[in-house]
Protein backbone atom coordinates (compact mmCIF):
# COMPACT_ATOMS: atom_id res chain seq x y z
CA MET A 1 30.98 197.72 159.80
CA ARG A 2 29.03 194.73 158.45
CA ARG A 3 25.76 196.29 159.58
CA LEU A 4 26.64 199.51 157.76
CA LEU A 5 27.47 197.61 154.57
CA GLY A 6 24.17 195.77 154.84
CA VAL A 7 22.22 199.00 155.18
CA LEU A 8 24.05 200.50 152.21
CA SER A 9 23.35 197.39 150.11
CA VAL A 10 19.64 197.55 150.88
CA ALA A 11 19.55 201.28 150.10
CA LEU A 12 21.33 200.69 146.81
CA ALA A 13 18.92 197.91 145.84
CA LEU A 14 15.93 200.13 146.62
CA ALA A 15 17.45 202.95 144.60
CA VAL A 16 17.97 200.69 141.58
CA CYS A 17 14.41 199.34 141.81
CA SER A 18 12.91 202.81 142.10
CA ALA A 19 15.04 204.05 139.19
CA SER A 20 13.89 201.14 137.04
CA ALA A 21 10.24 201.91 137.77
CA TRP A 22 10.75 205.62 137.19
CA SER A 23 12.33 205.02 133.79
CA GLN A 24 8.96 203.86 132.44
CA GLU A 25 7.04 206.85 133.78
CA GLY A 26 6.46 210.26 132.28
CA ILE A 27 9.40 212.65 132.25
CA LEU A 28 7.50 215.93 131.82
CA THR A 29 5.50 218.08 134.22
CA PHE A 30 2.69 220.40 133.10
CA SER A 31 1.35 223.56 134.77
CA PRO A 32 -1.58 225.40 133.13
CA GLU A 33 -1.71 229.17 133.67
CA PRO A 34 -3.80 230.94 134.82
CA ALA A 35 -4.91 228.60 137.60
CA VAL A 36 -8.57 229.37 136.85
CA LEU A 37 -9.55 230.33 133.33
CA GLU A 38 -12.45 232.77 133.21
CA ILE A 39 -14.64 232.71 130.12
CA SER A 40 -18.11 233.85 129.06
CA PRO A 41 -20.66 231.87 127.02
CA GLY A 42 -19.71 232.23 123.37
CA GLY A 43 -16.42 233.86 124.39
CA ARG A 44 -12.77 232.91 124.32
CA ALA A 45 -10.00 232.77 126.91
CA ALA A 46 -6.26 232.36 126.45
CA GLY A 47 -3.48 230.93 128.58
CA HIS A 48 -0.44 228.72 128.38
CA VAL A 49 0.81 225.39 129.69
CA ALA A 50 4.30 225.50 131.19
CA ILE A 51 6.22 222.29 130.38
CA GLU A 52 9.32 221.20 132.26
CA ASN A 53 11.61 218.30 131.41
CA ALA A 54 13.47 217.20 134.55
CA SER A 55 15.14 214.19 132.91
CA PRO A 56 18.45 213.66 131.06
CA ARG A 57 16.72 212.64 127.84
CA GLU A 58 14.75 214.61 125.26
CA ALA A 59 10.99 214.48 124.77
CA ASP A 60 9.58 214.49 121.23
CA HIS A 61 6.30 215.32 119.51
CA ILE A 62 4.51 217.00 122.44
CA GLU A 63 0.88 217.60 121.46
CA LEU A 64 -2.12 218.96 123.38
CA THR A 65 -5.77 218.11 122.70
CA TRP A 66 -8.97 218.97 124.61
CA THR A 67 -10.72 216.07 126.35
CA GLY A 68 -13.13 217.98 128.60
CA SER A 69 -16.74 219.01 128.14
CA THR A 70 -18.01 219.46 124.60
CA GLU A 71 -19.15 222.96 125.64
CA PHE A 72 -15.53 224.01 125.13
CA ALA A 73 -12.92 223.46 122.43
CA LEU A 74 -9.36 224.46 121.58
CA ASP A 75 -9.53 227.01 118.77
CA PRO A 76 -7.10 227.04 117.08
CA THR A 77 -5.29 223.76 117.74
CA PRO A 78 -2.19 224.57 119.81
CA GLU A 79 1.14 224.31 118.07
CA GLY A 80 3.04 221.29 119.37
CA VAL A 81 6.64 221.05 120.47
CA ALA A 82 8.86 218.97 118.19
CA VAL A 83 11.72 218.42 120.65
CA LEU A 84 12.24 219.44 124.30
CA GLY A 85 15.81 218.86 125.40
CA ALA A 86 17.07 217.39 128.66
CA PHE A 87 16.47 219.58 131.75
CA ALA A 88 14.77 222.17 129.53
CA ALA A 89 11.49 224.05 129.82
CA THR A 90 9.05 225.69 127.43
CA SER A 91 5.38 226.64 127.21
CA VAL A 92 2.52 226.11 124.78
CA GLU A 93 -0.07 228.81 124.23
CA PHE A 94 -3.72 227.85 123.92
CA THR A 95 -7.11 229.50 123.37
CA ILE A 96 -10.33 227.90 124.61
CA ALA A 97 -13.63 228.81 122.95
CA ALA A 98 -16.94 228.30 124.78
CA THR A 99 -20.27 227.58 123.13
CA ARG A 100 -23.10 230.11 123.57
CA THR A 101 -24.94 227.57 125.71
CA ALA A 102 -22.01 226.90 128.06
CA THR A 103 -23.24 226.27 131.63
CA LEU A 104 -22.55 229.10 134.07
CA GLY A 105 -20.41 228.37 137.11
CA GLU A 106 -17.20 226.54 137.82
CA THR A 107 -16.28 223.38 135.97
CA ARG A 108 -13.21 221.32 135.23
CA GLY A 109 -11.84 220.20 131.92
CA SER A 110 -8.59 218.57 130.87
CA PHE A 111 -5.92 218.50 128.23
CA GLU A 112 -4.67 215.19 126.92
CA VAL A 113 -0.93 215.49 126.36
CA ILE A 114 0.85 212.95 124.18
CA TYR A 115 4.62 212.80 123.82
CA THR A 116 7.42 210.29 123.32
CA TYR A 117 10.92 209.62 124.57
CA CYS A 118 13.44 206.86 123.96
CA ILE A 119 15.81 204.99 126.27
CA GLY A 120 18.31 203.15 124.12
CA ASP A 121 16.37 200.95 121.70
CA LEU A 122 13.07 201.26 123.59
CA CYS A 123 10.72 204.13 122.82
CA TYR A 124 7.83 205.11 125.09
CA GLN A 125 4.68 207.02 124.19
CA ILE A 126 3.21 208.76 127.22
CA VAL A 127 -0.41 209.91 127.45
CA GLU A 128 -1.18 212.18 130.40
CA SER A 129 -4.24 214.13 131.50
CA VAL A 130 -3.69 217.72 132.66
CA PRO A 131 -6.67 219.19 134.59
CA VAL A 132 -7.88 222.72 133.78
CA ALA A 133 -10.19 224.80 136.00
CA LEU A 134 -12.82 226.94 134.22
CA ARG A 135 -15.17 229.60 135.54
CA VAL A 136 -18.02 230.54 133.19
CA ALA A 137 -19.62 233.91 133.94
CA ALA A 138 -21.84 236.15 131.83
CA ALA A 139 -19.50 239.15 132.15
CA ALA A 140 -16.17 237.35 132.44
CA GLN A 141 -13.05 239.31 131.69
CA THR A 142 -10.90 237.40 129.26
CA PRO A 143 -7.32 237.53 130.58
CA PRO A 144 -4.64 238.36 128.05
CA ALA A 145 -2.57 235.51 126.71
CA VAL A 146 0.78 235.04 128.35
CA ALA A 147 3.34 234.86 125.60
CA ALA A 148 5.71 231.91 125.68
CA GLY A 149 8.68 234.21 125.27
CA ALA A 150 7.60 236.39 128.17
CA ALA A 151 7.08 233.34 130.38
CA ASP A 152 10.54 232.03 129.50
CA ALA A 153 12.08 235.44 130.17
CA ALA A 154 10.39 235.68 133.56
CA ALA A 155 11.61 232.19 134.41
CA ALA A 156 15.12 233.18 133.38
CA GLU A 157 15.01 236.27 135.62
CA ALA A 158 13.77 234.32 138.65
CA PRO A 159 16.56 233.42 141.06
CA THR A 160 17.15 229.68 140.77
CA HIS A 161 20.61 229.39 142.26
CA VAL A 162 22.12 230.31 145.58
CA SER A 163 24.81 233.00 145.36
CA TRP A 164 28.35 231.64 145.03
CA ARG A 165 29.43 233.98 147.83
CA TRP A 166 27.18 232.15 150.28
CA ILE A 167 28.41 228.79 149.02
CA ALA A 168 32.05 229.90 149.45
CA PHE A 169 31.28 231.17 152.96
CA ALA A 170 29.69 227.83 153.90
CA LEU A 171 32.67 225.88 152.56
CA ALA A 172 35.10 228.07 154.50
CA ALA A 173 33.07 227.57 157.67
CA LEU A 174 33.13 223.81 157.18
CA LEU A 175 36.93 223.91 156.95
CA VAL A 176 37.70 226.42 159.72
CA VAL A 177 35.16 225.44 162.40
CA PRO A 178 36.07 221.72 162.56
CA ALA A 179 39.79 222.58 162.64
CA ALA A 180 39.25 224.88 165.62
CA LEU A 181 37.08 222.39 167.47
CA LEU A 182 39.51 219.52 166.97
CA ARG A 183 42.00 221.32 169.25
CA ARG A 184 39.71 220.78 172.17
CA GLU A 185 38.45 217.64 173.82
CA GLY A 186 35.28 216.38 175.43
CA ARG A 187 32.37 218.68 174.80
CA ALA A 188 34.08 220.09 171.73
CA ARG A 189 33.64 216.77 169.97
CA VAL A 190 29.91 216.91 170.61
CA LEU A 191 29.85 220.40 169.15
CA LEU A 192 31.81 219.16 166.15
CA ALA A 193 29.33 216.36 165.54
CA ALA A 194 26.44 218.82 165.83
CA ALA A 195 28.15 221.19 163.39
CA LEU A 196 28.63 218.40 160.87
CA LEU A 197 24.98 217.38 161.18
CA VAL A 198 23.88 220.96 160.61
CA ALA A 199 26.20 221.24 157.61
CA GLY A 200 24.83 218.02 156.17
CA GLY A 201 21.25 219.23 156.60
CA ALA A 202 22.11 222.54 154.95
CA ALA A 203 23.73 220.75 152.02
CA LEU A 204 20.65 218.53 151.64
CA GLY A 205 18.38 221.58 151.71
CA LEU A 206 20.51 223.29 149.09
CA GLY A 207 20.34 220.26 146.82
CA VAL A 208 16.56 220.05 147.13
CA SER A 209 16.21 223.79 146.40
CA LEU A 210 18.15 223.25 143.17
CA ASP A 211 16.08 220.17 142.22
CA GLN A 212 19.21 218.02 142.33
CA HIS A 213 17.16 215.16 143.79
CA LYS A 214 15.18 215.04 140.53
CA GLN A 215 18.35 215.06 138.44
CA ALA A 216 19.87 212.32 140.59
CA GLN A 217 16.72 210.24 140.11
CA ALA A 218 16.97 210.74 136.35
CA VAL A 219 20.63 209.75 136.27
CA GLY A 220 19.78 206.66 138.31
CA ALA A 221 17.25 205.66 135.66
CA VAL A 222 19.87 205.91 132.93
CA LEU A 223 22.31 203.73 134.88
CA CYS A 224 19.57 201.22 135.57
CA THR A 225 18.65 200.87 131.90
CA SER A 226 22.26 200.20 130.97
CA CYS A 227 22.37 197.51 133.69
CA VAL A 228 19.45 195.63 132.17
CA GLY A 229 20.94 195.68 128.68
CA ILE A 230 19.27 198.69 127.07
CA GLU A 231 22.20 200.31 125.32
CA THR A 232 22.08 201.88 121.87
CA VAL A 233 19.48 202.54 119.22
CA GLN A 234 19.54 199.86 116.53
CA THR A 235 20.01 201.63 113.20
CA LEU A 236 22.15 199.11 111.28
CA SER A 237 20.82 197.02 108.41
CA PRO A 238 19.24 193.84 109.82
CA ARG A 239 21.00 190.57 109.07
CA LEU A 240 21.10 187.00 110.35
CA SER A 241 24.11 185.06 111.52
CA VAL A 242 24.83 181.65 110.02
CA ALA A 243 23.31 179.92 113.03
CA GLN A 244 20.23 182.16 113.04
CA ALA A 245 19.65 181.63 109.31
CA ALA A 246 19.93 177.84 109.74
CA ALA A 247 17.39 177.95 112.58
CA VAL A 248 14.96 179.97 110.46
CA ASP A 249 15.34 177.63 107.51
CA GLY A 250 14.60 174.67 109.81
CA LEU A 251 11.21 175.96 110.98
CA ALA A 252 8.56 173.42 109.97
CA LYS A 253 5.35 174.94 111.41
CA PRO A 254 3.62 178.20 110.48
CA VAL A 255 4.05 181.11 112.89
CA ASP A 256 2.09 184.38 112.77
CA LEU A 257 3.61 187.57 114.16
CA LEU A 258 2.32 191.06 114.85
CA VAL A 259 5.03 193.73 114.69
CA PHE A 260 3.98 196.83 116.63
CA TYR A 261 5.65 200.08 115.61
CA ALA A 262 5.14 203.83 115.78
CA PRO A 263 6.30 206.65 113.49
CA TRP A 264 8.36 208.20 116.31
CA CYS A 265 10.19 204.96 117.19
CA ARG A 266 13.88 205.01 116.26
CA SER A 267 14.53 201.27 116.43
CA CYS A 268 11.28 200.11 114.84
CA PRO A 269 12.65 200.07 111.25
CA TYR A 270 15.36 197.66 112.39
CA ALA A 271 12.82 195.32 114.00
CA GLU A 272 10.55 195.50 110.96
CA GLY A 273 13.45 194.78 108.60
CA LEU A 274 14.61 191.79 110.65
CA VAL A 275 11.16 190.21 110.66
CA ASP A 276 10.83 190.82 106.93
CA LEU A 277 14.22 189.20 106.33
CA ILE A 278 13.16 186.12 108.28
CA ALA A 279 9.82 185.91 106.47
CA SER A 280 11.57 186.13 103.09
CA ARG A 281 13.74 183.13 104.02
CA ASN A 282 10.89 180.97 105.32
CA PRO A 283 7.31 181.50 104.02
CA LEU A 284 5.95 179.75 107.13
CA VAL A 285 6.74 182.92 109.06
CA ARG A 286 3.95 185.40 108.41
CA TYR A 287 3.66 188.85 109.91
CA ARG A 288 1.61 192.03 109.92
CA LEU A 289 2.81 195.51 110.81
CA VAL A 290 0.63 197.28 113.40
CA ASN A 291 0.80 201.02 113.98
CA ALA A 292 0.36 201.21 117.75
CA GLU A 293 -0.94 204.78 117.50
CA VAL A 294 -3.68 203.84 115.01
CA GLU A 295 -4.71 200.43 116.38
CA ARG A 296 -4.66 201.39 120.06
CA GLY A 297 -7.16 198.72 121.05
CA LEU A 298 -4.96 195.95 119.69
CA ALA A 299 -1.92 197.43 121.43
CA VAL A 300 -3.78 197.53 124.76
CA GLU A 301 -5.11 193.98 124.30
CA HIS A 302 -1.61 192.52 123.96
CA GLY A 303 0.12 194.63 126.62
CA VAL A 304 2.04 196.86 124.23
CA THR A 305 0.13 199.81 125.71
CA ARG A 306 -0.44 199.80 129.47
CA ALA A 307 -1.85 202.63 131.59
CA GLY A 308 -1.52 205.01 128.64
CA ARG A 309 2.12 204.07 127.97
CA THR A 310 3.15 202.46 124.68
CA VAL A 311 6.46 200.59 124.33
CA VAL A 312 7.77 199.80 120.86
CA PRO A 313 9.18 198.00 118.95
CA ALA A 314 7.19 195.00 120.13
CA ILE A 315 6.85 191.66 118.33
CA LEU A 316 3.95 189.38 119.31
CA ARG A 317 3.70 185.67 118.53
CA VAL A 318 -0.03 185.33 117.99
CA ASP A 319 -0.58 181.72 119.09
CA THR A 320 1.31 181.99 122.39
CA GLY A 321 0.76 185.66 123.20
CA GLU A 322 4.46 186.13 124.04
CA VAL A 323 5.82 189.60 123.25
CA LEU A 324 9.39 190.70 122.62
CA PHE A 325 10.17 194.36 123.42
CA GLY A 326 13.09 196.37 122.11
CA ALA A 327 15.71 195.67 119.46
CA GLU A 328 18.71 194.75 121.61
CA ASN A 329 19.98 191.26 120.66
CA LEU A 330 16.71 190.83 118.76
CA GLY A 331 18.03 188.23 116.29
CA ASP A 332 18.68 185.57 118.95
CA ARG A 333 15.54 186.41 120.91
CA LEU A 334 13.35 186.28 117.81
CA VAL A 335 14.75 182.93 116.67
CA THR A 336 14.11 181.52 120.14
CA LEU A 337 10.54 182.83 120.00
CA LEU A 338 9.96 181.20 116.62
CA GLU A 339 11.39 177.86 117.73
CA GLU A 340 9.18 177.57 120.81
CA ARG A 341 6.57 174.83 120.48
CA THR A 342 2.94 175.29 121.39
């Protein structure tokens, strides 16, 4: 029994760690169609990018840009997706135009996809590269564009669930077969164990076929974020407690701060307002607002953007390089940051 509990504890710890890491990764998957885009020099070719959200949170401001060879360009600029809900799917149509001097043969390009999502008071900007295969031929046939509505309709018609009749039959078998086998002894118990193993494997296969493993992973990420203190978006008016105000008034050395924000960040106004409130009480606290989308180099330099992922709000103390992320319990954390001596 103790060994079993130990194994379960280790498995739970691994699950929590993996969920924590997953929560900072992208939540969308992208599939360009057709698989190979055929185009002629000076011509145009159309397709679409299927986008799937397999997480329990919404993705915002999904935008596609071309980052491949300059012999090709998106014309017109694809219309972005404002909001993609949890466990939802959509598609974005695109048209690629080739220059008259485009090199014949097969080549590869890529879309850069930028989108955001928030977990509690932390907002993430994700930048991903989606590869696109191109075949340039002098007499290429431009395939017709696949309409987003038609793609969604086809996806809706595709069978994604196992019939309830088969599920009911399996449940009945699980109830009847063990009951019959329990009346016998010896070899019947071996058969019962085998039947249970087969049933467990079938249930696991059914769950994988329905992508329940992805949903379970997503739910695990939500639980993990609540465990580490990421709870609600901070939208209240910023204010200081009596103790926090006294600590700010007692600061005797100048401190410079950089406050990183982004237009899509829901808790950034709270962080900005709190820093402004502190600076208005004590002129020794100086700060500058930094749009992490505009000043990407500065965000990368100070760890606000890592591997194409931007986390805001983030407050940097310039002289020490220490960064505070998020708005949860920000008043106490910010006062502690200001009081630290260099």
